[in-house]
Amino acid sequence: MMADFNLLHYPTLDRQQRLQRQWRMLGMGAGLGAALAGSVLTAWSWQIDSLRDQTRVLQSQLAEHKRLDKERQQRLAKNQEVQKISAQLVQLQVHQQAWGLLHSGLMEVAPGDGLRLQRLQVEAGRIDLQGHAPQAKAIAHVAQHLSERWGVSLSLQSLEAHPAGEGAQSVSFAWHASWAALADGAVPVIVGKP
């Protein structure tokens, strides 16, 4: 008998079955690869969505921090401006009190002793006063009272005696003092009779 001829193992059938197995394996491999690729793409998509959500959250937090920082800087600038104005107001108040003290001292002390002030100049905290008095003793007395009242020492810069007629005599004087409270960096103030 023929040992090579077996209907169950027909060579063409064997090739067809092998080809079918290869196609099945290829189909299963392609399906498994597609499923694996789909699951990887799905996982990546979830990760990308998660990263986008985190990016949105971080961007909103960054925007909030920028807004809060801008508000803080605006408050800081406003506080600095208020402090600057407050310091200017304190300086202005001290300056105004010094001028009030200067004025009241001149109005109360000087006329009682017969002094007539002719010129007042204040420049950068330096006071120059010029005037006339009936006698030198009155000048020393008024200088002492004004120095005590103002808390600054008046120094006599010049003293000149002038005959006033009919045996009377008048004395012209010039005082100088440094008074820091009157220093404001402004233009010199000169008050005098022409």
C-alpha atoms as a PDB file:
ATOM      1  CA  MET A   1       0.000   0.000   0.000  1.00  0.00           C
ATOM      2  CA  MET A   2       0.872   3.471  -0.378  1.00  0.00           C
ATOM      3  CA  ALA A   3       2.169   4.951   2.655  1.00  0.00           C
ATOM      4  CA  ASP A   4       2.474   8.419   1.217  1.00  0.00           C
ATOM      5  CA  PHE A   5      -1.077   8.800   0.278  1.00  0.00           C
ATOM      6  CA  ASN A   6      -3.246   9.734   3.242  1.00  0.00           C
ATOM      7  CA  LEU A   7      -6.449  11.675   2.703  1.00  0.00           C
ATOM      8  CA  LEU A   8      -6.294  13.161   6.157  1.00  0.00           C
ATOM      9  CA  HIS A   9      -2.952  14.651   5.399  1.00  0.00           C
ATOM     10  CA  TYR A  10      -3.512  15.924   1.975  1.00  0.00           C
ATOM     11  CA  PRO A  11      -0.650  18.308   1.130  1.00  0.00           C
ATOM     12  CA  THR A  12      -2.885  21.095  -0.133  1.00  0.00           C
ATOM     13  CA  LEU A  13      -5.155  20.799   2.851  1.00  0.00           C
ATOM     14  CA  ASP A  14      -2.186  20.953   5.119  1.00  0.00           C
ATOM     15  CA  ARG A  15      -1.024  24.140   3.426  1.00  0.00           C
ATOM     16  CA  GLN A  16      -4.502  25.641   3.665  1.00  0.00           C
ATOM     17  CA  GLN A  17      -4.715  24.800   7.335  1.00  0.00           C
ATOM     18  CA  ARG A  18      -1.273  26.259   7.962  1.00  0.00           C
ATOM     19  CA  LEU A  19      -2.246  29.359   6.024  1.00  0.00           C
ATOM     20  CA  GLN A  20      -5.496  29.627   7.999  1.00  0.00           C
ATOM     21  CA  ARG A  21      -3.599  29.236  11.272  1.00  0.00           C
ATOM     22  CA  GLN A  22      -1.157  31.920  10.184  1.00  0.00           C
ATOM     23  CA  TRP A  23      -4.009  34.239   9.270  1.00  0.00           C
ATOM     24  CA  ARG A  24      -5.770  33.489  12.556  1.00  0.00           C
ATOM     25  CA  MET A  25      -2.569  34.102  14.456  1.00  0.00           C
ATOM     26  CA  LEU A  26      -1.971  37.246  12.453  1.00  0.00           C
ATOM     27  CA  GLY A  27      -5.550  38.379  13.116  1.00  0.00           C
ATOM     28  CA  MET A  28      -5.244  37.562  16.798  1.00  0.00           C
ATOM     29  CA  GLY A  29      -1.868  39.339  16.933  1.00  0.00           C
ATOM     30  CA  ALA A  30      -3.303  42.346  15.089  1.00  0.00           C
ATOM     31  CA  GLY A  31      -6.351  42.357  17.392  1.00  0.00           C
ATOM     32  CA  LEU A  32      -4.203  41.968  20.470  1.00  0.00           C
ATOM     33  CA  GLY A  33      -1.828  44.698  19.188  1.00  0.00           C
ATOM     34  CA  ALA A  34      -4.770  46.970  18.408  1.00  0.00           C
ATOM     35  CA  ALA A  35      -6.256  46.328  21.857  1.00  0.00           C
ATOM     36  CA  LEU A  36      -2.888  46.958  23.481  1.00  0.00           C
ATOM     37  CA  ALA A  37      -2.345  50.116  21.394  1.00  0.00           C
ATOM     38  CA  GLY A  38      -5.909  51.253  22.213  1.00  0.00           C
ATOM     39  CA  SER A  39      -5.372  50.742  25.919  1.00  0.00           C
ATOM     40  CA  VAL A  40      -2.030  52.609  25.773  1.00  0.00           C
ATOM     41  CA  LEU A  41      -3.639  55.466  23.818  1.00  0.00           C
ATOM     42  CA  THR A  42      -6.533  55.550  26.278  1.00  0.00           C
ATOM     43  CA  ALA A  43      -4.099  55.675  29.212  1.00  0.00           C
ATOM     44  CA  TRP A  44      -2.138  58.459  27.498  1.00  0.00           C
ATOM     45  CA  SER A  45      -5.369  60.314  26.775  1.00  0.00           C
ATOM     46  CA  TRP A  46      -6.334  60.082  30.462  1.00  0.00           C
ATOM     47  CA  GLN A  47      -2.899  61.273  31.485  1.00  0.00           C
ATOM     48  CA  ILE A  48      -3.024  64.150  28.999  1.00  0.00           C
ATOM     49  CA  ASP A  49      -6.503  65.112  30.254  1.00  0.00           C
ATOM     50  CA  SER A  50      -5.249  64.913  33.834  1.00  0.00           C
ATOM     51  CA  LEU A  51      -2.208  67.045  32.961  1.00  0.00           C
ATOM     52  CA  ARG A  52      -4.445  69.577  31.190  1.00  0.00           C
ATOM     53  CA  ASP A  53      -6.664  69.770  34.277  1.00  0.00           C
ATOM     54  CA  GLN A  54      -3.622  70.218  36.505  1.00  0.00           C
ATOM     55  CA  THR A  55      -2.289  72.876  34.108  1.00  0.00           C
ATOM     56  CA  ARG A  56      -5.617  74.736  34.252  1.00  0.00           C
ATOM     57  CA  VAL A  57      -5.622  74.567  38.057  1.00  0.00           C
ATOM     58  CA  LEU A  58      -2.001  75.758  38.226  1.00  0.00           C
ATOM     59  CA  GLN A  59      -2.698  78.565  35.732  1.00  0.00           C
ATOM     60  CA  SER A  60      -5.703  79.725  37.750  1.00  0.00           C
ATOM     61  CA  GLN A  61      -3.610  79.583  40.944  1.00  0.00           C
ATOM     62  CA  LEU A  62      -0.834  81.541  39.213  1.00  0.00           C
ATOM     63  CA  ALA A  63      -3.351  84.141  38.008  1.00  0.00           C
ATOM     64  CA  GLU A  64      -4.729  84.409  41.558  1.00  0.00           C
ATOM     65  CA  HIS A  65      -1.219  84.791  42.995  1.00  0.00           C
ATOM     66  CA  LYS A  66      -0.414  87.477  40.404  1.00  0.00           C
ATOM     67  CA  ARG A  67      -3.634  89.308  41.251  1.00  0.00           C
ATOM     68  CA  LEU A  68      -2.928  89.106  44.992  1.00  0.00           C
ATOM     69  CA  ASP A  69       0.678  90.224  44.433  1.00  0.00           C
ATOM     70  CA  LYS A  70      -0.516  93.169  42.347  1.00  0.00           C
ATOM     71  CA  GLU A  71      -3.007  94.139  45.069  1.00  0.00           C
ATOM     72  CA  ARG A  72      -0.271  93.803  47.716  1.00  0.00           C
ATOM     73  CA  GLN A  73       2.063  96.006  45.681  1.00  0.00           C
ATOM     74  CA  GLN A  74      -0.698  98.577  45.224  1.00  0.00           C
ATOM     75  CA  ARG A  75      -1.417  98.552  48.974  1.00  0.00           C
ATOM     76  CA  LEU A  76       2.305  98.836  49.699  1.00  0.00           C
ATOM     77  CA  ALA A  77       2.642 101.786  47.311  1.00  0.00           C
ATOM     78  CA  LYS A  78      -0.428 103.423  48.853  1.00  0.00           C
ATOM     79  CA  ASN A  79       0.935 102.834  52.378  1.00  0.00           C
ATOM     80  CA  GLN A  80       4.272 104.348  51.391  1.00  0.00           C
ATOM     81  CA  GLU A  81       2.465 107.339  49.915  1.00  0.00           C
ATOM     82  CA  VAL A  82       0.395 107.729  53.097  1.00  0.00           C
ATOM     83  CA  GLN A  83       3.548 107.466  55.238  1.00  0.00           C
ATOM     84  CA  LYS A  84       5.278 110.058  53.063  1.00  0.00           C
ATOM     85  CA  ILE A  85       2.309 112.420  53.326  1.00  0.00           C
ATOM     86  CA  SER A  86       2.105 111.768  57.071  1.00  0.00           C
ATOM     87  CA  ALA A  87       5.791 112.610  57.477  1.00  0.00           C
ATOM     88  CA  GLN A  88       5.264 115.774  55.434  1.00  0.00           C
ATOM     89  CA  LEU A  89       2.283 116.703  57.589  1.00  0.00           C
ATOM     90  CA  VAL A  90       4.300 116.176  60.772  1.00  0.00           C
ATOM     91  CA  GLN A  91       7.083 118.336  59.323  1.00  0.00           C
ATOM     92  CA  LEU A  92       4.533 120.946  58.275  1.00  0.00           C
ATOM     93  CA  GLN A  93       2.964 120.894  61.753  1.00  0.00           C
ATOM     94  CA  VAL A  94       6.373 121.376  63.411  1.00  0.00           C
ATOM     95  CA  HIS A  95       7.151 124.123  60.917  1.00  0.00           C
ATOM     96  CA  GLN A  96       3.791 125.799  61.538  1.00  0.00           C
ATOM     97  CA  GLN A  97       4.223 125.589  65.319  1.00  0.00           C
ATOM     98  CA  ALA A  98       7.675 127.155  65.015  1.00  0.00           C
ATOM     99  CA  TRP A  99       6.292 129.986  62.872  1.00  0.00           C
ATOM    100  CA  GLY A 100       3.434 130.492  65.344  1.00  0.00           C
ATOM    101  CA  LEU A 101       5.916 130.606  68.213  1.00  0.00           C
ATOM    102  CA  LEU A 102       8.109 133.046  66.272  1.00  0.00           C
ATOM    103  CA  HIS A 103       5.146 135.300  65.491  1.00  0.00           C
ATOM    104  CA  SER A 104       3.657 135.265  68.983  1.00  0.00           C
ATOM    105  CA  GLY A 105       7.049 135.949  70.544  1.00  0.00           C
ATOM    106  CA  LEU A 106       7.661 138.924  68.298  1.00  0.00           C
ATOM    107  CA  MET A 107       4.150 140.308  68.826  1.00  0.00           C
ATOM    108  CA  GLU A 108       4.144 139.943  72.628  1.00  0.00           C
ATOM    109  CA  VAL A 109       7.708 140.683  73.727  1.00  0.00           C
ATOM    110  CA  ALA A 110       9.159 143.174  71.275  1.00  0.00           C
ATOM    111  CA  PRO A 111       6.587 146.051  71.326  1.00  0.00           C
ATOM    112  CA  GLY A 112       6.464 146.187  75.130  1.00  0.00           C
ATOM    113  CA  ASP A 113      10.101 147.273  75.274  1.00  0.00           C
ATOM    114  CA  GLY A 114       9.754 149.791  72.439  1.00  0.00           C
ATOM    115  CA  LEU A 115      11.468 147.641  69.813  1.00  0.00           C
ATOM    116  CA  ARG A 116      10.515 148.161  66.195  1.00  0.00           C
ATOM    117  CA  LEU A 117      11.403 145.296  63.895  1.00  0.00           C
ATOM    118  CA  GLN A 118      12.264 146.384  60.385  1.00  0.00           C
ATOM    119  CA  ARG A 119      13.397 143.214  58.709  1.00  0.00           C
ATOM    120  CA  LEU A 120      12.908 139.502  59.243  1.00  0.00           C
ATOM    121  CA  GLN A 121      14.577 136.957  57.010  1.00  0.00           C
ATOM    122  CA  VAL A 122      14.252 133.206  57.415  1.00  0.00           C
ATOM    123  CA  GLU A 123      16.297 131.004  55.159  1.00  0.00           C
ATOM    124  CA  ALA A 124      16.972 127.290  55.665  1.00  0.00           C
ATOM    125  CA  GLY A 125      16.525 127.472  59.424  1.00  0.00           C
ATOM    126  CA  ARG A 126      18.530 130.656  59.849  1.00  0.00           C
ATOM    127  CA  ILE A 127      16.737 133.713  61.270  1.00  0.00           C
ATOM    128  CA  ASP A 128      17.996 137.249  60.763  1.00  0.00           C
ATOM    129  CA  LEU A 129      16.163 140.059  62.586  1.00  0.00           C
ATOM    130  CA  GLN A 130      16.908 143.764  62.222  1.00  0.00           C
ATOM    131  CA  GLY A 131      15.266 146.663  63.994  1.00  0.00           C
ATOM    132  CA  HIS A 132      15.532 149.746  66.199  1.00  0.00           C
ATOM    133  CA  ALA A 133      15.215 150.242  69.948  1.00  0.00           C
ATOM    134  CA  PRO A 134      15.219 153.340  72.174  1.00  0.00           C
ATOM    135  CA  GLN A 135      18.168 151.980  74.184  1.00  0.00           C
ATOM    136  CA  ALA A 136      20.627 149.058  74.145  1.00  0.00           C
ATOM    137  CA  LYS A 137      19.350 147.704  77.469  1.00  0.00           C
ATOM    138  CA  ALA A 138      15.963 146.962  75.876  1.00  0.00           C
ATOM    139  CA  ILE A 139      17.682 144.958  73.107  1.00  0.00           C
ATOM    140  CA  ALA A 140      19.431 142.642  75.570  1.00  0.00           C
ATOM    141  CA  HIS A 141      16.231 142.221  77.601  1.00  0.00           C
ATOM    142  CA  VAL A 142      14.091 141.304  74.553  1.00  0.00           C
ATOM    143  CA  ALA A 143      16.800 138.983  73.161  1.00  0.00           C
ATOM    144  CA  GLN A 144      16.869 137.080  76.452  1.00  0.00           C
ATOM    145  CA  HIS A 145      13.057 136.735  76.594  1.00  0.00           C
ATOM    146  CA  LEU A 146      12.788 135.643  72.966  1.00  0.00           C
ATOM    147  CA  SER A 147      15.615 133.124  73.392  1.00  0.00           C
ATOM    148  CA  GLU A 148      13.864 131.605  76.415  1.00  0.00           C
ATOM    149  CA  ARG A 149      10.481 131.590  74.712  1.00  0.00           C
ATOM    150  CA  TRP A 150      11.709 130.064  71.433  1.00  0.00           C
ATOM    151  CA  GLY A 151      14.283 127.711  72.903  1.00  0.00           C
ATOM    152  CA  VAL A 152      16.976 129.000  70.529  1.00  0.00           C
ATOM    153  CA  SER A 153      19.721 131.436  71.337  1.00  0.00           C
ATOM    154  CA  LEU A 154      19.677 134.791  69.596  1.00  0.00           C
ATOM    155  CA  SER A 155      23.129 136.174  68.979  1.00  0.00           C
ATOM    156  CA  LEU A 156      23.718 139.855  68.420  1.00  0.00           C
ATOM    157  CA  GLN A 157      25.369 140.420  65.035  1.00  0.00           C
ATOM    158  CA  SER A 158      25.561 144.200  65.054  1.00  0.00           C
ATOM    159  CA  LEU A 159      24.667 147.137  67.262  1.00  0.00           C
ATOM    160  CA  GLU A 160      24.820 150.786  66.141  1.00  0.00           C
ATOM    161  CA  ALA A 161      23.825 153.893  68.066  1.00  0.00           C
ATOM    162  CA  HIS A 162      22.162 156.729  66.129  1.00  0.00           C
ATOM    163  CA  PRO A 163      21.316 160.193  67.403  1.00  0.00           C
ATOM    164  CA  ALA A 164      17.556 160.626  67.199  1.00  0.00           C
ATOM    165  CA  GLY A 165      17.417 164.330  67.864  1.00  0.00           C
ATOM    166  CA  GLU A 166      16.683 166.481  70.951  1.00  0.00           C
ATOM    167  CA  GLY A 167      19.209 164.570  73.010  1.00  0.00           C
ATOM    168  CA  ALA A 168      17.532 161.200  72.523  1.00  0.00           C
ATOM    169  CA  GLN A 169      19.305 158.302  70.961  1.00  0.00           C
ATOM    170  CA  SER A 170      18.127 155.171  69.133  1.00  0.00           C
ATOM    171  CA  VAL A 171      19.992 151.939  68.602  1.00  0.00           C
ATOM    172  CA  SER A 172      19.773 149.696  65.536  1.00  0.00           C
ATOM    173  CA  PHE A 173      20.497 146.017  65.981  1.00  0.00           C
ATOM    174  CA  ALA A 174      20.753 142.775  64.028  1.00  0.00           C
ATOM    175  CA  TRP A 175      20.146 139.366  65.586  1.00  0.00           C
ATOM    176  CA  HIS A 176      20.908 135.943  64.212  1.00  0.00           C
ATOM    177  CA  ALA A 177      19.666 132.506  65.293  1.00  0.00           C
ATOM    178  CA  SER A 178      19.560 128.981  63.917  1.00  0.00           C
ATOM    179  CA  TRP A 179      16.172 127.345  64.257  1.00  0.00           C
ATOM    180  CA  ALA A 180      16.013 123.917  62.599  1.00  0.00           C
ATOM    181  CA  ALA A 181      12.200 123.745  62.805  1.00  0.00           C
ATOM    182  CA  LEU A 182      11.966 126.638  60.359  1.00  0.00           C
ATOM    183  CA  ALA A 183      14.170 124.896  57.782  1.00  0.00           C
ATOM    184  CA  ASP A 184      11.963 123.524  55.035  1.00  0.00           C
ATOM    185  CA  GLY A 185      14.096 124.014  51.956  1.00  0.00           C
ATOM    186  CA  ALA A 186      11.722 126.703  50.736  1.00  0.00           C
ATOM    187  CA  VAL A 187      12.581 130.047  49.199  1.00  0.00           C
ATOM    188  CA  PRO A 188      13.844 132.571  51.762  1.00  0.00           C
ATOM    189  CA  VAL A 189      11.133 134.567  53.501  1.00  0.00           C
ATOM    190  CA  ILE A 190      11.919 138.258  53.864  1.00  0.00           C
ATOM    191  CA  VAL A 191       9.548 140.576  55.659  1.00  0.00           C
ATOM    192  CA  GLY A 192      10.537 144.184  56.026  1.00  0.00           C
ATOM    193  CA  LYS A 193       9.626 147.779  55.571  1.00  0.00           C
ATOM    194  CA  PRO A 194      10.738 149.330  52.283  1.00  0.00           C
END
